[in-house]
PDB file of N, CA and C in Angstrom:
ATOM      1  N   UNK A   1     -25.413  -2.558  -2.908  1.00  0.00           N
ATOM      2  CA  UNK A   1     -24.524  -1.488  -2.516  1.00  0.00           C
ATOM      3  C   UNK A   1     -23.288  -2.042  -1.810  1.00  0.00           C
ATOM      4  N   UNK A   2     -23.506  -2.949  -0.867  1.00  0.00           N
ATOM      5  CA  UNK A   2     -22.377  -3.525  -0.140  1.00  0.00           C
ATOM      6  C   UNK A   2     -21.530  -4.386  -1.074  1.00  0.00           C
ATOM      7  N   UNK A   3     -22.185  -5.143  -1.966  1.00  0.00           N
ATOM      8  CA  UNK A   3     -21.434  -5.971  -2.906  1.00  0.00           C
ATOM      9  C   UNK A   3     -20.534  -5.107  -3.792  1.00  0.00           C
ATOM     10  N   UNK A   4     -21.052  -3.988  -4.283  1.00  0.00           N
ATOM     11  CA  UNK A   4     -20.252  -3.085  -5.099  1.00  0.00           C
ATOM     12  C   UNK A   4     -19.081  -2.507  -4.330  1.00  0.00           C
ATOM     13  N   UNK A   5     -19.305  -2.175  -3.071  1.00  0.00           N
ATOM     14  CA  UNK A   5     -18.236  -1.637  -2.235  1.00  0.00           C
ATOM     15  C   UNK A   5     -17.132  -2.678  -2.042  1.00  0.00           C
ATOM     16  N   UNK A   6     -17.525  -3.910  -1.784  1.00  0.00           N
ATOM     17  CA  UNK A   6     -16.540  -4.976  -1.619  1.00  0.00           C
ATOM     18  C   UNK A   6     -15.805  -5.237  -2.930  1.00  0.00           C
ATOM     19  N   UNK A   7     -16.524  -5.275  -4.030  1.00  0.00           N
ATOM     20  CA  UNK A   7     -15.915  -5.533  -5.333  1.00  0.00           C
ATOM     21  C   UNK A   7     -14.889  -4.461  -5.696  1.00  0.00           C
ATOM     22  N   UNK A   8     -15.293  -3.194  -5.621  1.00  0.00           N
ATOM     23  CA  UNK A   8     -14.374  -2.125  -6.010  1.00  0.00           C
ATOM     24  C   UNK A   8     -13.254  -1.945  -4.994  1.00  0.00           C
ATOM     25  N   UNK A   9     -13.517  -2.235  -3.736  1.00  0.00           N
ATOM     26  CA  UNK A   9     -12.453  -2.196  -2.733  1.00  0.00           C
ATOM     27  C   UNK A   9     -11.400  -3.259  -3.005  1.00  0.00           C
ATOM     28  N   UNK A  10     -11.859  -4.442  -3.398  1.00  0.00           N
ATOM     29  CA  UNK A  10     -10.922  -5.514  -3.739  1.00  0.00           C
ATOM     30  C   UNK A  10     -10.097  -5.145  -4.963  1.00  0.00           C
ATOM     31  N   UNK A  11     -10.715  -4.540  -5.957  1.00  0.00           N
ATOM     32  CA  UNK A  11      -9.986  -4.096  -7.145  1.00  0.00           C
ATOM     33  C   UNK A  11      -8.945  -3.035  -6.763  1.00  0.00           C
ATOM     34  N   UNK A  12      -9.313  -2.123  -5.854  1.00  0.00           N
ATOM     35  CA  UNK A  12      -8.371  -1.088  -5.404  1.00  0.00           C
ATOM     36  C   UNK A  12      -7.187  -1.707  -4.664  1.00  0.00           C
ATOM     37  N   UNK A  13      -7.445  -2.701  -3.826  1.00  0.00           N
ATOM     38  CA  UNK A  13      -6.356  -3.370  -3.110  1.00  0.00           C
ATOM     39  C   UNK A  13      -5.419  -4.063  -4.094  1.00  0.00           C
ATOM     40  N   UNK A  14      -5.967  -4.727  -5.087  1.00  0.00           N
ATOM     41  CA  UNK A  14      -5.133  -5.384  -6.101  1.00  0.00           C
ATOM     42  C   UNK A  14      -4.302  -4.346  -6.844  1.00  0.00           C
ATOM     43  N   UNK A  15      -4.910  -3.211  -7.197  1.00  0.00           N
ATOM     44  CA  UNK A  15      -4.168  -2.148  -7.874  1.00  0.00           C
ATOM     45  C   UNK A  15      -3.043  -1.602  -7.026  1.00  0.00           C
ATOM     46  N   UNK A  16      -3.274  -1.419  -5.745  1.00  0.00           N
ATOM     47  CA  UNK A  16      -2.230  -0.913  -4.855  1.00  0.00           C
ATOM     48  C   UNK A  16      -1.096  -1.925  -4.714  1.00  0.00           C
ATOM     49  N   UNK A  17      -1.435  -3.192  -4.614  1.00  0.00           N
ATOM     50  CA  UNK A  17      -0.390  -4.210  -4.537  1.00  0.00           C
ATOM     51  C   UNK A  17       0.423  -4.259  -5.827  1.00  0.00           C
ATOM     52  N   UNK A  18      -0.219  -4.016  -6.966  1.00  0.00           N
ATOM     53  CA  UNK A  18       0.507  -3.961  -8.236  1.00  0.00           C
ATOM     54  C   UNK A  18       1.436  -2.743  -8.275  1.00  0.00           C
ATOM     55  N   UNK A  19       1.008  -1.613  -7.717  1.00  0.00           N
ATOM     56  CA  UNK A  19       1.893  -0.457  -7.598  1.00  0.00           C
ATOM     57  C   UNK A  19       3.112  -0.801  -6.755  1.00  0.00           C
ATOM     58  N   UNK A  20       2.862  -1.465  -5.650  1.00  0.00           N
ATOM     59  CA  UNK A  20       3.949  -1.860  -4.746  1.00  0.00           C
ATOM     60  C   UNK A  20       4.971  -2.720  -5.479  1.00  0.00           C
ATOM     61  N   UNK A  21       4.503  -3.735  -6.168  1.00  0.00           N
ATOM     62  CA  UNK A  21       5.401  -4.643  -6.883  1.00  0.00           C
ATOM     63  C   UNK A  21       6.072  -3.930  -8.057  1.00  0.00           C
ATOM     64  N   UNK A  22       5.313  -3.126  -8.778  1.00  0.00           N
ATOM     65  CA  UNK A  22       5.843  -2.468  -9.970  1.00  0.00           C
ATOM     66  C   UNK A  22       6.927  -1.449  -9.681  1.00  0.00           C
ATOM     67  N   UNK A  23       6.848  -0.771  -8.563  1.00  0.00           N
ATOM     68  CA  UNK A  23       7.823   0.275  -8.257  1.00  0.00           C
ATOM     69  C   UNK A  23       8.802  -0.134  -7.169  1.00  0.00           C
ATOM     70  N   UNK A  24       8.825  -1.393  -6.798  1.00  0.00           N
ATOM     71  CA  UNK A  24       9.658  -1.864  -5.697  1.00  0.00           C
ATOM     72  C   UNK A  24      11.131  -1.482  -5.880  1.00  0.00           C
ATOM     73  N   UNK A  25      11.698  -1.770  -7.012  1.00  0.00           N
ATOM     74  CA  UNK A  25      13.128  -1.497  -7.239  1.00  0.00           C
ATOM     75  C   UNK A  25      13.397  -0.082  -7.757  1.00  0.00           C
ATOM     76  N   UNK A  26      12.426   0.563  -8.356  1.00  0.00           N
ATOM     77  CA  UNK A  26      12.641   1.874  -8.964  1.00  0.00           C
ATOM     78  C   UNK A  26      12.152   3.033  -8.114  1.00  0.00           C
ATOM     79  N   UNK A  27      11.650   2.774  -6.917  1.00  0.00           N
ATOM     80  CA  UNK A  27      11.049   3.824  -6.101  1.00  0.00           C
ATOM     81  C   UNK A  27      12.052   4.932  -5.775  1.00  0.00           C
ATOM     82  N   UNK A  28      13.302   4.566  -5.497  1.00  0.00           N
ATOM     83  CA  UNK A  28      14.315   5.563  -5.126  1.00  0.00           C
ATOM     84  C   UNK A  28      14.644   6.509  -6.283  1.00  0.00           C
ATOM     85  N   UNK A  29      14.395   6.090  -7.506  1.00  0.00           N
ATOM     86  CA  UNK A  29      14.725   6.920  -8.676  1.00  0.00           C
ATOM     87  C   UNK A  29      13.629   7.910  -9.043  1.00  0.00           C
ATOM     88  N   UNK A  30      12.460   7.783  -8.444  1.00  0.00           N
ATOM     89  CA  UNK A  30      11.348   8.663  -8.777  1.00  0.00           C
ATOM     90  C   UNK A  30      11.536  10.036  -8.132  1.00  0.00           C
ATOM     91  N   UNK A  31      10.873  11.050  -8.704  1.00  0.00           N
ATOM     92  CA  UNK A  31      10.947  12.372  -8.073  1.00  0.00           C
ATOM     93  C   UNK A  31       9.991  12.417  -6.879  1.00  0.00           C
ATOM     94  N   UNK A  32      10.063  13.496  -6.106  1.00  0.00           N
ATOM     95  CA  UNK A  32       9.294  13.584  -4.862  1.00  0.00           C
ATOM     96  C   UNK A  32       7.793  13.503  -5.097  1.00  0.00           C
ATOM     97  N   UNK A  33       7.295  14.135  -6.132  1.00  0.00           N
ATOM     98  CA  UNK A  33       5.861  14.100  -6.421  1.00  0.00           C
ATOM     99  C   UNK A  33       5.395  12.680  -6.722  1.00  0.00           C
ATOM    100  N   UNK A  34       6.163  11.956  -7.509  1.00  0.00           N
ATOM    101  CA  UNK A  34       5.814  10.576  -7.829  1.00  0.00           C
ATOM    102  C   UNK A  34       5.857   9.692  -6.586  1.00  0.00           C
ATOM    103  N   UNK A  35       6.902   9.876  -5.757  1.00  0.00           N
ATOM    104  CA  UNK A  35       7.012   9.098  -4.525  1.00  0.00           C
ATOM    105  C   UNK A  35       5.832   9.359  -3.604  1.00  0.00           C
ATOM    106  N   UNK A  36       5.503  10.638  -3.411  1.00  0.00           N
ATOM    107  CA  UNK A  36       4.386  10.973  -2.532  1.00  0.00           C
ATOM    108  C   UNK A  36       3.063  10.443  -3.066  1.00  0.00           C
ATOM    109  N   UNK A  37       2.872  10.502  -4.374  1.00  0.00           N
ATOM    110  CA  UNK A  37       1.638   9.988  -4.970  1.00  0.00           C
ATOM    111  C   UNK A  37       1.462   8.509  -4.714  1.00  0.00           C
ATOM    112  N   UNK A  38       2.503   7.737  -4.915  1.00  0.00           N
ATOM    113  CA  UNK A  38       2.428   6.295  -4.694  1.00  0.00           C
ATOM    114  C   UNK A  38       2.288   5.997  -3.202  1.00  0.00           C
ATOM    115  N   UNK A  39       3.086   6.675  -2.366  1.00  0.00           N
ATOM    116  CA  UNK A  39       3.039   6.453  -0.925  1.00  0.00           C
ATOM    117  C   UNK A  39       1.662   6.771  -0.357  1.00  0.00           C
ATOM    118  N   UNK A  40       1.108   7.924  -0.728  1.00  0.00           N
ATOM    119  CA  UNK A  40      -0.189   8.324  -0.197  1.00  0.00           C
ATOM    120  C   UNK A  40      -1.324   7.443  -0.705  1.00  0.00           C
ATOM    121  N   UNK A  41      -1.212   6.946  -1.923  1.00  0.00           N
ATOM    122  CA  UNK A  41      -2.216   6.023  -2.447  1.00  0.00           C
ATOM    123  C   UNK A  41      -2.242   4.738  -1.628  1.00  0.00           C
ATOM    124  N   UNK A  42      -1.072   4.166  -1.395  1.00  0.00           N
ATOM    125  CA  UNK A  42      -0.992   2.929  -0.622  1.00  0.00           C
ATOM    126  C   UNK A  42      -1.429   3.181   0.821  1.00  0.00           C
ATOM    127  N   UNK A  43      -0.924   4.265   1.424  1.00  0.00           N
ATOM    128  CA  UNK A  43      -1.292   4.585   2.805  1.00  0.00           C
ATOM    129  C   UNK A  43      -2.798   4.817   2.940  1.00  0.00           C
ATOM    130  N   UNK A  44      -3.353   5.600   2.035  1.00  0.00           N
ATOM    131  CA  UNK A  44      -4.778   5.922   2.102  1.00  0.00           C
ATOM    132  C   UNK A  44      -5.659   4.706   1.972  1.00  0.00           C
ATOM    133  N   UNK A  45      -5.316   3.807   1.074  1.00  0.00           N
ATOM    134  CA  UNK A  45      -6.138   2.619   0.894  1.00  0.00           C
ATOM    135  C   UNK A  45      -6.097   1.722   2.124  1.00  0.00           C
ATOM    136  N   UNK A  46      -4.902   1.474   2.641  1.00  0.00           N
ATOM    137  CA  UNK A  46      -4.810   0.610   3.811  1.00  0.00           C
ATOM    138  C   UNK A  46      -5.395   1.281   5.054  1.00  0.00           C
ATOM    139  N   UNK A  47      -5.225   2.591   5.205  1.00  0.00           N
ATOM    140  CA  UNK A  47      -5.807   3.295   6.348  1.00  0.00           C
ATOM    141  C   UNK A  47      -7.333   3.259   6.288  1.00  0.00           C
ATOM    142  N   UNK A  48      -7.891   3.471   5.106  1.00  0.00           N
ATOM    143  CA  UNK A  48      -9.340   3.422   4.952  1.00  0.00           C
ATOM    144  C   UNK A  48      -9.880   2.023   5.231  1.00  0.00           C
ATOM    145  N   UNK A  49      -9.193   1.013   4.722  1.00  0.00           N
ATOM    146  CA  UNK A  49      -9.617  -0.369   4.946  1.00  0.00           C
ATOM    147  C   UNK A  49      -9.551  -0.730   6.434  1.00  0.00           C
ATOM    148  N   UNK A  50      -8.434  -0.382   7.070  1.00  0.00           N
ATOM    149  CA  UNK A  50      -8.280  -0.691   8.495  1.00  0.00           C
ATOM    150  C   UNK A  50      -9.324   0.047   9.331  1.00  0.00           C
ATOM    151  N   UNK A  51      -9.574   1.312   9.023  1.00  0.00           N
ATOM    152  CA  UNK A  51     -10.577   2.079   9.758  1.00  0.00           C
ATOM    153  C   UNK A  51     -11.961   1.453   9.614  1.00  0.00           C
ATOM    154  N   UNK A  52     -12.306   1.057   8.394  1.00  0.00           N
ATOM    155  CA  UNK A  52     -13.599   0.401   8.179  1.00  0.00           C
ATOM    156  C   UNK A  52     -13.729  -0.879   8.961  1.00  0.00           C
ATOM    157  N   UNK A  53     -12.661  -1.645   9.017  1.00  0.00           N
ATOM    158  CA  UNK A  53     -12.699  -2.909   9.765  1.00  0.00           C
ATOM    159  C   UNK A  53     -12.789  -2.631  11.263  1.00  0.00           C
ATOM    160  N   UNK A  54     -12.026  -1.641  11.752  1.00  0.00           N
ATOM    161  CA  UNK A  54     -12.120  -1.276  13.175  1.00  0.00           C
ATOM    162  C   UNK A  54     -13.535  -0.835  13.533  1.00  0.00           C
ATOM    163  N   UNK A  55     -14.124   0.004  12.682  1.00  0.00           N
ATOM    164  CA  UNK A  55     -15.470   0.501  12.962  1.00  0.00           C
ATOM    165  C   UNK A  55     -16.527  -0.587  12.879  1.00  0.00           C
ATOM    166  N   UNK A  56     -16.252  -1.633  12.102  1.00  0.00           N
ATOM    167  CA  UNK A  56     -17.177  -2.763  12.024  1.00  0.00           C
ATOM    168  C   UNK A  56     -17.081  -3.647  13.265  1.00  0.00           C
ATOM    169  N   UNK A  57     -16.063  -3.387  14.087  1.00  0.00           N
ATOM    170  CA  UNK A  57     -15.962  -4.102  15.349  1.00  0.00           C
ATOM    171  C   UNK A  57     -14.965  -5.228  15.389  1.00  0.00           C
ATOM    172  N   UNK A  58     -14.156  -5.369  14.371  1.00  0.00           N
ATOM    173  CA  UNK A  58     -13.173  -6.451  14.360  1.00  0.00           C
ATOM    174  C   UNK A  58     -11.782  -5.872  14.598  1.00  0.00           C
ATOM    175  N   UNK A  59     -11.392  -5.812  15.868  1.00  0.00           N
ATOM    176  CA  UNK A  59     -10.112  -5.225  16.235  1.00  0.00           C
ATOM    177  C   UNK A  59      -8.942  -6.029  15.685  1.00  0.00           C
ATOM    178  N   UNK A  60      -8.992  -7.342  15.799  1.00  0.00           N
ATOM    179  CA  UNK A  60      -7.883  -8.191  15.342  1.00  0.00           C
ATOM    180  C   UNK A  60      -7.668  -8.069  13.831  1.00  0.00           C
ATOM    181  N   UNK A  61      -8.742  -8.136  13.055  1.00  0.00           N
ATOM    182  CA  UNK A  61      -8.613  -8.009  11.599  1.00  0.00           C
ATOM    183  C   UNK A  61      -8.111  -6.623  11.215  1.00  0.00           C
ATOM    184  N   UNK A  62      -8.566  -5.592  11.922  1.00  0.00           N
ATOM    185  CA  UNK A  62      -8.081  -4.242  11.665  1.00  0.00           C
ATOM    186  C   UNK A  62      -6.598  -4.113  11.950  1.00  0.00           C
ATOM    187  N   UNK A  63      -6.134  -4.750  13.018  1.00  0.00           N
ATOM    188  CA  UNK A  63      -4.702  -4.724  13.328  1.00  0.00           C
ATOM    189  C   UNK A  63      -3.890  -5.463  12.269  1.00  0.00           C
ATOM    190  N   UNK A  64      -4.416  -6.573  11.781  1.00  0.00           N
ATOM    191  CA  UNK A  64      -3.704  -7.331  10.738  1.00  0.00           C
ATOM    192  C   UNK A  64      -3.570  -6.495   9.474  1.00  0.00           C
ATOM    193  N   UNK A  65      -4.644  -5.833   9.056  1.00  0.00           N
ATOM    194  CA  UNK A  65      -4.593  -4.979   7.864  1.00  0.00           C
ATOM    195  C   UNK A  65      -3.629  -3.813   8.090  1.00  0.00           C
ATOM    196  N   UNK A  66      -3.633  -3.246   9.290  1.00  0.00           N
ATOM    197  CA  UNK A  66      -2.725  -2.144   9.601  1.00  0.00           C
ATOM    198  C   UNK A  66      -1.269  -2.585   9.522  1.00  0.00           C
ATOM    199  N   UNK A  67      -0.965  -3.737  10.075  1.00  0.00           N
ATOM    200  CA  UNK A  67       0.406  -4.259  10.055  1.00  0.00           C
ATOM    201  C   UNK A  67       0.846  -4.567   8.626  1.00  0.00           C
ATOM    202  N   UNK A  68      -0.042  -5.142   7.830  1.00  0.00           N
ATOM    203  CA  UNK A  68       0.293  -5.424   6.429  1.00  0.00           C
ATOM    204  C   UNK A  68       0.579  -4.124   5.685  1.00  0.00           C
ATOM    205  N   UNK A  69      -0.252  -3.102   5.889  1.00  0.00           N
ATOM    206  CA  UNK A  69      -0.035  -1.819   5.230  1.00  0.00           C
ATOM    207  C   UNK A  69       1.283  -1.178   5.631  1.00  0.00           C
ATOM    208  N   UNK A  70       1.600  -1.193   6.917  1.00  0.00           N
ATOM    209  CA  UNK A  70       2.862  -0.619   7.395  1.00  0.00           C
ATOM    210  C   UNK A  70       4.042  -1.404   6.831  1.00  0.00           C
ATOM    211  N   UNK A  71       3.925  -2.718   6.806  1.00  0.00           N
ATOM    212  CA  UNK A  71       4.988  -3.561   6.251  1.00  0.00           C
ATOM    213  C   UNK A  71       5.230  -3.248   4.774  1.00  0.00           C
ATOM    214  N   UNK A  72       4.157  -3.141   3.990  1.00  0.00           N
ATOM    215  CA  UNK A  72       4.316  -2.860   2.559  1.00  0.00           C
ATOM    216  C   UNK A  72       4.918  -1.471   2.323  1.00  0.00           C
ATOM    217  N   UNK A  73       4.497  -0.487   3.096  1.00  0.00           N
ATOM    218  CA  UNK A  73       5.085   0.850   2.946  1.00  0.00           C
ATOM    219  C   UNK A  73       6.554   0.838   3.342  1.00  0.00           C
ATOM    220  N   UNK A  74       6.894   0.108   4.389  1.00  0.00           N
ATOM    221  CA  UNK A  74       8.298  -0.007   4.788  1.00  0.00           C
ATOM    222  C   UNK A  74       9.143  -0.662   3.721  1.00  0.00           C
ATOM    223  N   UNK A  75       8.603  -1.711   3.098  1.00  0.00           N
ATOM    224  CA  UNK A  75       9.337  -2.370   2.009  1.00  0.00           C
ATOM    225  C   UNK A  75       9.539  -1.430   0.830  1.00  0.00           C
ATOM    226  N   UNK A  76       8.557  -0.590   0.572  1.00  0.00           N
ATOM    227  CA  UNK A  76       8.629   0.294  -0.583  1.00  0.00           C
ATOM    228  C   UNK A  76       9.665   1.395  -0.387  1.00  0.00           C
ATOM    229  N   UNK A  77       9.717   1.990   0.782  1.00  0.00           N
ATOM    230  CA  UNK A  77      10.579   3.158   0.971  1.00  0.00           C
ATOM    231  C   UNK A  77      11.983   2.816   1.438  1.00  0.00           C
ATOM    232  N   UNK A  78      12.230   1.597   1.853  1.00  0.00           N
ATOM    233  CA  UNK A  78      13.578   1.254   2.293  1.00  0.00           C
ATOM    234  C   UNK A  78      14.502   1.201   1.085  1.00  0.00           C
ATOM    235  N   UNK A  79      15.767   1.501   1.310  1.00  0.00           N
ATOM    236  CA  UNK A  79      16.727   1.413   0.191  1.00  0.00           C
ATOM    237  C   UNK A  79      16.866  -0.032  -0.275  1.00  0.00           C
ATOM    238  N   UNK A  80      16.928  -0.189  -1.578  1.00  0.00           N
ATOM    239  CA  UNK A  80      17.090  -1.521  -2.154  1.00  0.00           C
ATOM    240  C   UNK A  80      18.545  -1.686  -2.553  1.00  0.00           C
ATOM    241  N   UNK A  81      19.190  -2.655  -1.980  1.00  0.00           N
ATOM    242  CA  UNK A  81      20.598  -2.916  -2.290  1.00  0.00           C
ATOM    243  C   UNK A  81      20.656  -4.018  -3.340  1.00  0.00           C
ATOM    244  N   UNK A  82      21.378  -3.725  -4.382  1.00  0.00           N
ATOM    245  CA  UNK A  82      21.534  -4.729  -5.439  1.00  0.00           C
ATOM    246  C   UNK A  82      22.949  -4.686  -5.949  1.00  0.00           C
ATOM    247  N   UNK A  83      23.329  -5.710  -6.700  1.00  0.00           N
ATOM    248  CA  UNK A  83      24.694  -5.786  -7.200  1.00  0.00           C
ATOM    249  C   UNK A  83      24.951  -4.836  -8.347  1.00  0.00           C
ATOM    250  N   UNK A  84      23.906  -4.434  -9.082  1.00  0.00           N
ATOM    251  CA  UNK A  84      24.120  -3.520 -10.201  1.00  0.00           C
ATOM    252  C   UNK A  84      24.075  -2.089  -9.685  1.00  0.00           C
ATOM    253  N   UNK A  85      25.074  -1.297 -10.046  1.00  0.00           N
ATOM    254  CA  UNK A  85      25.173   0.095  -9.628  1.00  0.00           C
ATOM    255  C   UNK A  85      24.845   0.965 -10.841  1.00  0.00           C
ATOM    256  N   UNK A  86      23.661   1.524 -10.855  1.00  0.00           N
ATOM    257  CA  UNK A  86      23.275   2.394 -11.960  1.00  0.00           C
ATOM    258  C   UNK A  86      23.475   3.837 -11.560  1.00  0.00           C
ATOM    259  N   UNK A  87      23.803   4.671 -12.523  1.00  0.00           N
ATOM    260  CA  UNK A  87      24.067   6.080 -12.230  1.00  0.00           C
ATOM    261  C   UNK A  87      22.839   6.915 -12.422  1.00  0.00           C
TER     262      UNK A  87
END
């Protein structure tokens, strides 16, 4: 049971990181529903992971996961400045 939880949790983290990378430059062009879906998916996964780590008793590891999640969400929602101006 624990092995399955770790395995599928790791797959979910990889999927969320792929979402982050895949939509990094195009996030501003998405509609509100798409933005919220991606944002809440990333937030929910990192919040659940951090909560589980905190409840397991590892405060430092929980803080590291929390900081990584906040950093990735900040990178995703910040405006991306590039030399190409698309309409």
